Amino acid sequence: MNTIDQHFAGKEPQVRKIYDALLRASRVLGPFEEDPKKTSIHLARKSAFAGVATRKDNIILTLKAAGDIKDPRVINRQQASANRWHLDIRLREAKDVDAQLERWLKEAYELAG
């Protein structure tokens, strides 16, 4: 059984702070579940709108999107289907969960509903 705490074992303290900032930003959008998997934590409504992969000192956030987002913060992109993209964003500190990221989270949340 995977737990959320397992994802933070051996990680730098800011990794948990980033995750907590993501949770705060997501909670204002509406209800969702935290679903810990082997390699990441899914934040899910009817389906996952975000995937959180913890690293030693940062988080790779994968967001669901209706289209590609051309932004330097997007470090990897994968077109999952005609109208679905999975976009990876590296978050190094809690302040990286800013207004722009909150907009992207909101769009992902709406797609997962």
C-alpha atoms as a PDB file:
ATOM      1  CA  MET A   1       0.000   0.000   0.000  1.00  0.00           C
ATOM      2  CA  ASN A   2       1.423   3.358  -1.000  1.00  0.00           C
ATOM      3  CA  THR A   3       0.999   6.297   1.362  1.00  0.00           C
ATOM      4  CA  ILE A   4       1.424  10.011   0.865  1.00  0.00           C
ATOM      5  CA  ASP A   5       4.076  10.189   3.596  1.00  0.00           C
ATOM      6  CA  GLN A   6       6.218   7.606   1.767  1.00  0.00           C
ATOM      7  CA  HIS A   7       6.601  10.075  -1.094  1.00  0.00           C
ATOM      8  CA  PHE A   8       8.313  12.554   1.250  1.00  0.00           C
ATOM      9  CA  ALA A   9      10.680  10.168   3.056  1.00  0.00           C
ATOM     10  CA  GLY A  10      14.284  11.251   2.522  1.00  0.00           C
ATOM     11  CA  LYS A  11      13.305  14.426   0.672  1.00  0.00           C
ATOM     12  CA  GLU A  12      14.288  17.999   1.459  1.00  0.00           C
ATOM     13  CA  PRO A  13      11.740  19.883   3.652  1.00  0.00           C
ATOM     14  CA  GLN A  14      10.738  22.244   0.827  1.00  0.00           C
ATOM     15  CA  VAL A  15       9.288  19.309  -1.146  1.00  0.00           C
ATOM     16  CA  ARG A  16       6.499  18.899   1.438  1.00  0.00           C
ATOM     17  CA  LYS A  17       6.004  22.690   1.513  1.00  0.00           C
ATOM     18  CA  ILE A  18       5.537  22.715  -2.278  1.00  0.00           C
ATOM     19  CA  TYR A  19       3.023  19.874  -2.016  1.00  0.00           C
ATOM     20  CA  ASP A  20       1.116  21.671   0.748  1.00  0.00           C
ATOM     21  CA  ALA A  21       0.984  24.817  -1.437  1.00  0.00           C
ATOM     22  CA  LEU A  22      -0.416  22.709  -4.303  1.00  0.00           C
ATOM     23  CA  LEU A  23      -3.077  21.291  -1.993  1.00  0.00           C
ATOM     24  CA  ARG A  24      -4.080  24.771  -0.781  1.00  0.00           C
ATOM     25  CA  ALA A  25      -4.354  26.016  -4.377  1.00  0.00           C
ATOM     26  CA  SER A  26      -6.379  22.957  -5.388  1.00  0.00           C
ATOM     27  CA  ARG A  27      -8.789  23.038  -2.433  1.00  0.00           C
ATOM     28  CA  VAL A  28     -10.257  26.372  -3.535  1.00  0.00           C
ATOM     29  CA  LEU A  29     -11.307  24.706  -6.811  1.00  0.00           C
ATOM     30  CA  GLY A  30     -13.590  22.134  -5.181  1.00  0.00           C
ATOM     31  CA  PRO A  31     -13.488  18.574  -3.875  1.00  0.00           C
ATOM     32  CA  PHE A  32     -10.799  16.109  -4.948  1.00  0.00           C
ATOM     33  CA  GLU A  33      -8.997  13.044  -3.647  1.00  0.00           C
ATOM     34  CA  GLU A  34      -5.311  12.499  -2.975  1.00  0.00           C
ATOM     35  CA  ASP A  35      -4.498   9.120  -4.517  1.00  0.00           C
ATOM     36  CA  PRO A  36      -0.960   7.908  -3.747  1.00  0.00           C
ATOM     37  CA  LYS A  37       0.520   5.638  -6.415  1.00  0.00           C
ATOM     38  CA  LYS A  38       3.911   3.940  -6.549  1.00  0.00           C
ATOM     39  CA  THR A  39       5.735   6.790  -8.314  1.00  0.00           C
ATOM     40  CA  SER A  40       3.456   9.788  -7.779  1.00  0.00           C
ATOM     41  CA  ILE A  41       0.410  11.190  -6.003  1.00  0.00           C
ATOM     42  CA  HIS A  42      -2.615  11.811  -8.191  1.00  0.00           C
ATOM     43  CA  LEU A  43      -4.973  14.654  -7.392  1.00  0.00           C
ATOM     44  CA  ALA A  44      -8.259  13.422  -8.789  1.00  0.00           C
ATOM     45  CA  ARG A  45     -11.778  14.620  -9.323  1.00  0.00           C
ATOM     46  CA  LYS A  46     -13.652  12.167 -11.588  1.00  0.00           C
ATOM     47  CA  SER A  47     -10.236  11.589 -13.160  1.00  0.00           C
ATOM     48  CA  ALA A  48      -6.776  12.866 -12.268  1.00  0.00           C
ATOM     49  CA  PHE A  49      -6.145  16.526 -13.007  1.00  0.00           C
ATOM     50  CA  ALA A  50      -2.610  16.563 -11.596  1.00  0.00           C
ATOM     51  CA  GLY A  51       0.200  14.162 -10.838  1.00  0.00           C
ATOM     52  CA  VAL A  52       2.814  14.994  -8.214  1.00  0.00           C
ATOM     53  CA  ALA A  53       6.169  13.226  -8.505  1.00  0.00           C
ATOM     54  CA  THR A  54       8.476  14.014  -5.591  1.00  0.00           C
ATOM     55  CA  ARG A  55      12.195  14.374  -6.159  1.00  0.00           C
ATOM     56  CA  LYS A  56      14.989  14.944  -3.629  1.00  0.00           C
ATOM     57  CA  ASP A  57      14.593  18.726  -3.669  1.00  0.00           C
ATOM     58  CA  ASN A  58      11.714  19.519  -6.037  1.00  0.00           C
ATOM     59  CA  ILE A  59       8.424  18.308  -7.469  1.00  0.00           C
ATOM     60  CA  ILE A  60       7.533  17.465 -11.037  1.00  0.00           C
ATOM     61  CA  LEU A  61       3.894  18.444 -11.450  1.00  0.00           C
ATOM     62  CA  THR A  62       2.076  16.881 -14.397  1.00  0.00           C
ATOM     63  CA  LEU A  63      -1.064  18.770 -15.371  1.00  0.00           C
ATOM     64  CA  LYS A  64      -3.838  17.728 -17.710  1.00  0.00           C
ATOM     65  CA  ALA A  65      -4.500  20.369 -20.378  1.00  0.00           C
ATOM     66  CA  ALA A  66      -6.801  20.823 -23.367  1.00  0.00           C
ATOM     67  CA  GLY A  67      -3.867  22.017 -25.477  1.00  0.00           C
ATOM     68  CA  ASP A  68      -0.155  22.618 -25.373  1.00  0.00           C
ATOM     69  CA  ILE A  69       1.006  25.527 -23.228  1.00  0.00           C
ATOM     70  CA  LYS A  70       3.981  27.319 -24.723  1.00  0.00           C
ATOM     71  CA  ASP A  71       5.735  28.501 -21.607  1.00  0.00           C
ATOM     72  CA  PRO A  72       9.329  28.096 -20.416  1.00  0.00           C
ATOM     73  CA  ARG A  73       8.066  26.576 -17.154  1.00  0.00           C
ATOM     74  CA  VAL A  74       6.784  23.541 -19.081  1.00  0.00           C
ATOM     75  CA  ILE A  75       9.777  21.187 -19.156  1.00  0.00           C
ATOM     76  CA  ASN A  76       8.089  18.281 -20.926  1.00  0.00           C
ATOM     77  CA  ARG A  77       4.890  17.826 -22.905  1.00  0.00           C
ATOM     78  CA  GLN A  78       3.039  14.822 -24.213  1.00  0.00           C
ATOM     79  CA  GLN A  79      -0.035  14.829 -26.388  1.00  0.00           C
ATOM     80  CA  ALA A  80      -2.240  12.111 -24.878  1.00  0.00           C
ATOM     81  CA  SER A  81      -5.058  12.446 -27.443  1.00  0.00           C
ATOM     82  CA  ALA A  82      -6.502  14.975 -29.882  1.00  0.00           C
ATOM     83  CA  ASN A  83      -7.675  17.293 -27.090  1.00  0.00           C
ATOM     84  CA  ARG A  84      -5.542  16.227 -24.127  1.00  0.00           C
ATOM     85  CA  TRP A  85      -2.013  17.108 -23.184  1.00  0.00           C
ATOM     86  CA  HIS A  86       0.075  16.170 -20.159  1.00  0.00           C
ATOM     87  CA  LEU A  87       2.448  18.983 -19.240  1.00  0.00           C
ATOM     88  CA  ASP A  88       5.322  18.678 -16.742  1.00  0.00           C
ATOM     89  CA  ILE A  89       6.353  21.649 -14.614  1.00  0.00           C
ATOM     90  CA  ARG A  90       9.261  21.544 -12.149  1.00  0.00           C
ATOM     91  CA  LEU A  91       8.483  23.266  -8.845  1.00  0.00           C
ATOM     92  CA  ARG A  92      11.544  24.093  -6.738  1.00  0.00           C
ATOM     93  CA  GLU A  93       9.891  26.026  -3.909  1.00  0.00           C
ATOM     94  CA  ALA A  94       6.416  26.753  -2.555  1.00  0.00           C
ATOM     95  CA  LYS A  95       6.323  30.222  -4.133  1.00  0.00           C
ATOM     96  CA  ASP A  96       6.397  28.508  -7.556  1.00  0.00           C
ATOM     97  CA  VAL A  97       2.702  27.794  -6.892  1.00  0.00           C
ATOM     98  CA  ASP A  98       1.808  31.265  -8.142  1.00  0.00           C
ATOM     99  CA  ALA A  99      -1.172  32.856  -9.916  1.00  0.00           C
ATOM    100  CA  GLN A 100      -0.134  31.424 -13.297  1.00  0.00           C
ATOM    101  CA  LEU A 101       0.155  27.897 -11.909  1.00  0.00           C
ATOM    102  CA  GLU A 102      -3.179  28.310 -10.114  1.00  0.00           C
ATOM    103  CA  ARG A 103      -4.827  29.143 -13.467  1.00  0.00           C
ATOM    104  CA  TRP A 104      -3.327  26.016 -15.037  1.00  0.00           C
ATOM    105  CA  LEU A 105      -4.510  23.943 -12.049  1.00  0.00           C
ATOM    106  CA  LYS A 106      -8.028  25.365 -12.433  1.00  0.00           C
ATOM    107  CA  GLU A 107      -8.124  24.461 -16.125  1.00  0.00           C
ATOM    108  CA  ALA A 108      -6.880  20.938 -15.345  1.00  0.00           C
ATOM    109  CA  TYR A 109      -9.433  20.573 -12.552  1.00  0.00           C
ATOM    110  CA  GLU A 110     -12.264  21.552 -14.898  1.00  0.00           C
ATOM    111  CA  LEU A 111     -11.095  19.010 -17.506  1.00  0.00           C
ATOM    112  CA  ALA A 112     -11.170  16.243 -14.893  1.00  0.00           C
ATOM    113  CA  GLY A 113     -14.774  16.914 -13.894  1.00  0.00           C
END
